[in-house]
Amino acid sequence: SESTFAGFRGQGLTAIGLQATDDNARCTTVRVTFANGQSRSVNFGDRMTEDRMYRIDLPGDERNVTRVDLTCRPIGDNDVTVIIYGLT
């Protein structure tokens, strides 16, 4: 499924952390929108092991994140939740 987390208010971030809970996940798209209106897809290995946090370094010098869009699905039989962390 696709999920959007708008209103992130992540100021001064150097990275975003993603963590799958309840099952392993495969995320094919991770797109970050910044305060200046620009959006950028960020590189991600696409497979997440449950309960392990994956760090995605933000590109360039823009550090004010306003929105994160994800396209993820569970690898196993359970529903999966992906937690988003702002890392400084």
C-alpha atoms as a PDB file:
ATOM      1  CA  SER A   1       0.000   0.000   0.000  1.00  0.00           C
ATOM      2  CA  GLU A   2       1.001   3.612  -0.317  1.00  0.00           C
ATOM      3  CA  SER A   3       1.266   5.858   2.718  1.00  0.00           C
ATOM      4  CA  THR A   4       1.943   9.532   3.141  1.00  0.00           C
ATOM      5  CA  PHE A   5       3.125  11.235   6.266  1.00  0.00           C
ATOM      6  CA  ALA A   6       2.544  14.949   5.709  1.00  0.00           C
ATOM      7  CA  GLY A   7       3.253  17.740   8.176  1.00  0.00           C
ATOM      8  CA  PHE A   8       6.474  16.036   9.210  1.00  0.00           C
ATOM      9  CA  ARG A   9       8.164  19.272  10.383  1.00  0.00           C
ATOM     10  CA  GLY A  10      11.554  17.601  10.334  1.00  0.00           C
ATOM     11  CA  GLN A  11      13.980  20.501  10.563  1.00  0.00           C
ATOM     12  CA  GLY A  12      17.729  19.988  10.458  1.00  0.00           C
ATOM     13  CA  LEU A  13      17.497  16.286   9.614  1.00  0.00           C
ATOM     14  CA  THR A  14      20.442  14.459   8.112  1.00  0.00           C
ATOM     15  CA  ALA A  15      18.611  11.169   7.582  1.00  0.00           C
ATOM     16  CA  ILE A  16      15.305   9.344   7.833  1.00  0.00           C
ATOM     17  CA  GLY A  17      14.964   6.019   9.623  1.00  0.00           C
ATOM     18  CA  LEU A  18      12.451   3.356   8.575  1.00  0.00           C
ATOM     19  CA  GLN A  19      11.469   0.370  10.708  1.00  0.00           C
ATOM     20  CA  ALA A  20       9.012  -2.406   9.772  1.00  0.00           C
ATOM     21  CA  THR A  21       6.927  -3.904  12.572  1.00  0.00           C
ATOM     22  CA  ASP A  22       4.745  -7.038  12.622  1.00  0.00           C
ATOM     23  CA  ASP A  23       6.431  -8.521   9.506  1.00  0.00           C
ATOM     24  CA  ASN A  24       9.239  -8.044   7.002  1.00  0.00           C
ATOM     25  CA  ALA A  25       8.504  -5.450   4.321  1.00  0.00           C
ATOM     26  CA  ARG A  26       9.442  -4.539   0.774  1.00  0.00           C
ATOM     27  CA  CYS A  27       9.406  -0.814  -0.010  1.00  0.00           C
ATOM     28  CA  THR A  28       9.734   0.040  -3.688  1.00  0.00           C
ATOM     29  CA  THR A  29       9.388   3.810  -3.350  1.00  0.00           C
ATOM     30  CA  VAL A  30      10.605   6.274  -0.725  1.00  0.00           C
ATOM     31  CA  ARG A  31      10.006   9.899  -1.732  1.00  0.00           C
ATOM     32  CA  VAL A  32      10.862  12.889   0.469  1.00  0.00           C
ATOM     33  CA  THR A  33       9.408  16.409   0.039  1.00  0.00           C
ATOM     34  CA  PHE A  34      11.287  19.380   1.461  1.00  0.00           C
ATOM     35  CA  ALA A  35      10.131  22.794   2.733  1.00  0.00           C
ATOM     36  CA  ASN A  36      11.284  24.466  -0.501  1.00  0.00           C
ATOM     37  CA  GLY A  37       8.720  22.346  -2.417  1.00  0.00           C
ATOM     38  CA  GLN A  38      11.209  20.023  -4.100  1.00  0.00           C
ATOM     39  CA  SER A  39      10.695  16.257  -3.900  1.00  0.00           C
ATOM     40  CA  ARG A  40      13.296  13.596  -4.321  1.00  0.00           C
ATOM     41  CA  SER A  41      13.226   9.809  -4.449  1.00  0.00           C
ATOM     42  CA  VAL A  42      15.895   8.384  -2.191  1.00  0.00           C
ATOM     43  CA  ASN A  43      17.837   5.167  -2.655  1.00  0.00           C
ATOM     44  CA  PHE A  44      16.659   2.294  -0.552  1.00  0.00           C
ATOM     45  CA  GLY A  45      17.564  -1.396  -0.725  1.00  0.00           C
ATOM     46  CA  ASP A  46      13.809  -2.200  -0.757  1.00  0.00           C
ATOM     47  CA  ARG A  47      13.719  -5.090   1.766  1.00  0.00           C
ATOM     48  CA  MET A  48      13.365  -4.494   5.502  1.00  0.00           C
ATOM     49  CA  THR A  49      13.724  -7.098   8.233  1.00  0.00           C
ATOM     50  CA  GLU A  50      11.149  -6.718  10.999  1.00  0.00           C
ATOM     51  CA  ASP A  51      12.179  -4.526  13.983  1.00  0.00           C
ATOM     52  CA  ARG A  52      15.464  -3.352  12.414  1.00  0.00           C
ATOM     53  CA  MET A  53      15.862   0.361  11.653  1.00  0.00           C
ATOM     54  CA  TYR A  54      17.202   1.318   8.226  1.00  0.00           C
ATOM     55  CA  ARG A  55      18.890   4.683   7.800  1.00  0.00           C
ATOM     56  CA  ILE A  56      18.444   6.698   4.593  1.00  0.00           C
ATOM     57  CA  ASP A  57      20.799   9.667   4.304  1.00  0.00           C
ATOM     58  CA  LEU A  58      19.156  12.768   2.827  1.00  0.00           C
ATOM     59  CA  PRO A  59      20.751  14.050  -0.384  1.00  0.00           C
ATOM     60  CA  GLY A  60      22.115  17.558  -0.863  1.00  0.00           C
ATOM     61  CA  ASP A  61      21.970  20.321   1.686  1.00  0.00           C
ATOM     62  CA  GLU A  62      18.171  20.520   2.116  1.00  0.00           C
ATOM     63  CA  ARG A  63      17.299  19.375   5.642  1.00  0.00           C
ATOM     64  CA  ASN A  64      13.733  20.571   6.262  1.00  0.00           C
ATOM     65  CA  VAL A  65      11.459  17.598   5.507  1.00  0.00           C
ATOM     66  CA  THR A  66       7.718  18.272   5.220  1.00  0.00           C
ATOM     67  CA  ARG A  67       6.445  14.995   3.764  1.00  0.00           C
ATOM     68  CA  VAL A  68       7.458  11.347   3.294  1.00  0.00           C
ATOM     69  CA  ASP A  69       5.714   9.039   0.768  1.00  0.00           C
ATOM     70  CA  LEU A  70       6.206   5.268   0.912  1.00  0.00           C
ATOM     71  CA  THR A  71       5.063   2.365  -1.246  1.00  0.00           C
ATOM     72  CA  CYS A  72       5.520  -0.792   0.846  1.00  0.00           C
ATOM     73  CA  ARG A  73       4.031  -4.250   1.244  1.00  0.00           C
ATOM     74  CA  PRO A  74       4.546  -7.128   3.666  1.00  0.00           C
ATOM     75  CA  ILE A  75       6.742 -10.015   2.582  1.00  0.00           C
ATOM     76  CA  GLY A  76       5.006 -12.528   4.877  1.00  0.00           C
ATOM     77  CA  ASP A  77       1.374 -13.170   5.771  1.00  0.00           C
ATOM     78  CA  ASN A  78       0.900 -10.399   8.373  1.00  0.00           C
ATOM     79  CA  ASP A  79       0.002  -6.753   7.859  1.00  0.00           C
ATOM     80  CA  VAL A  80       3.044  -4.532   8.219  1.00  0.00           C
ATOM     81  CA  THR A  81       3.487  -1.085   9.728  1.00  0.00           C
ATOM     82  CA  VAL A  82       6.483   1.082   8.800  1.00  0.00           C
ATOM     83  CA  ILE A  83       7.610   3.574  11.444  1.00  0.00           C
ATOM     84  CA  ILE A  84       9.322   6.748  10.179  1.00  0.00           C
ATOM     85  CA  TYR A  85      12.022   8.436  12.281  1.00  0.00           C
ATOM     86  CA  GLY A  86      13.662  11.827  11.728  1.00  0.00           C
ATOM     87  CA  LEU A  87      17.395  11.586  12.476  1.00  0.00           C
ATOM     88  CA  THR A  88      19.736  14.479  13.166  1.00  0.00           C
END
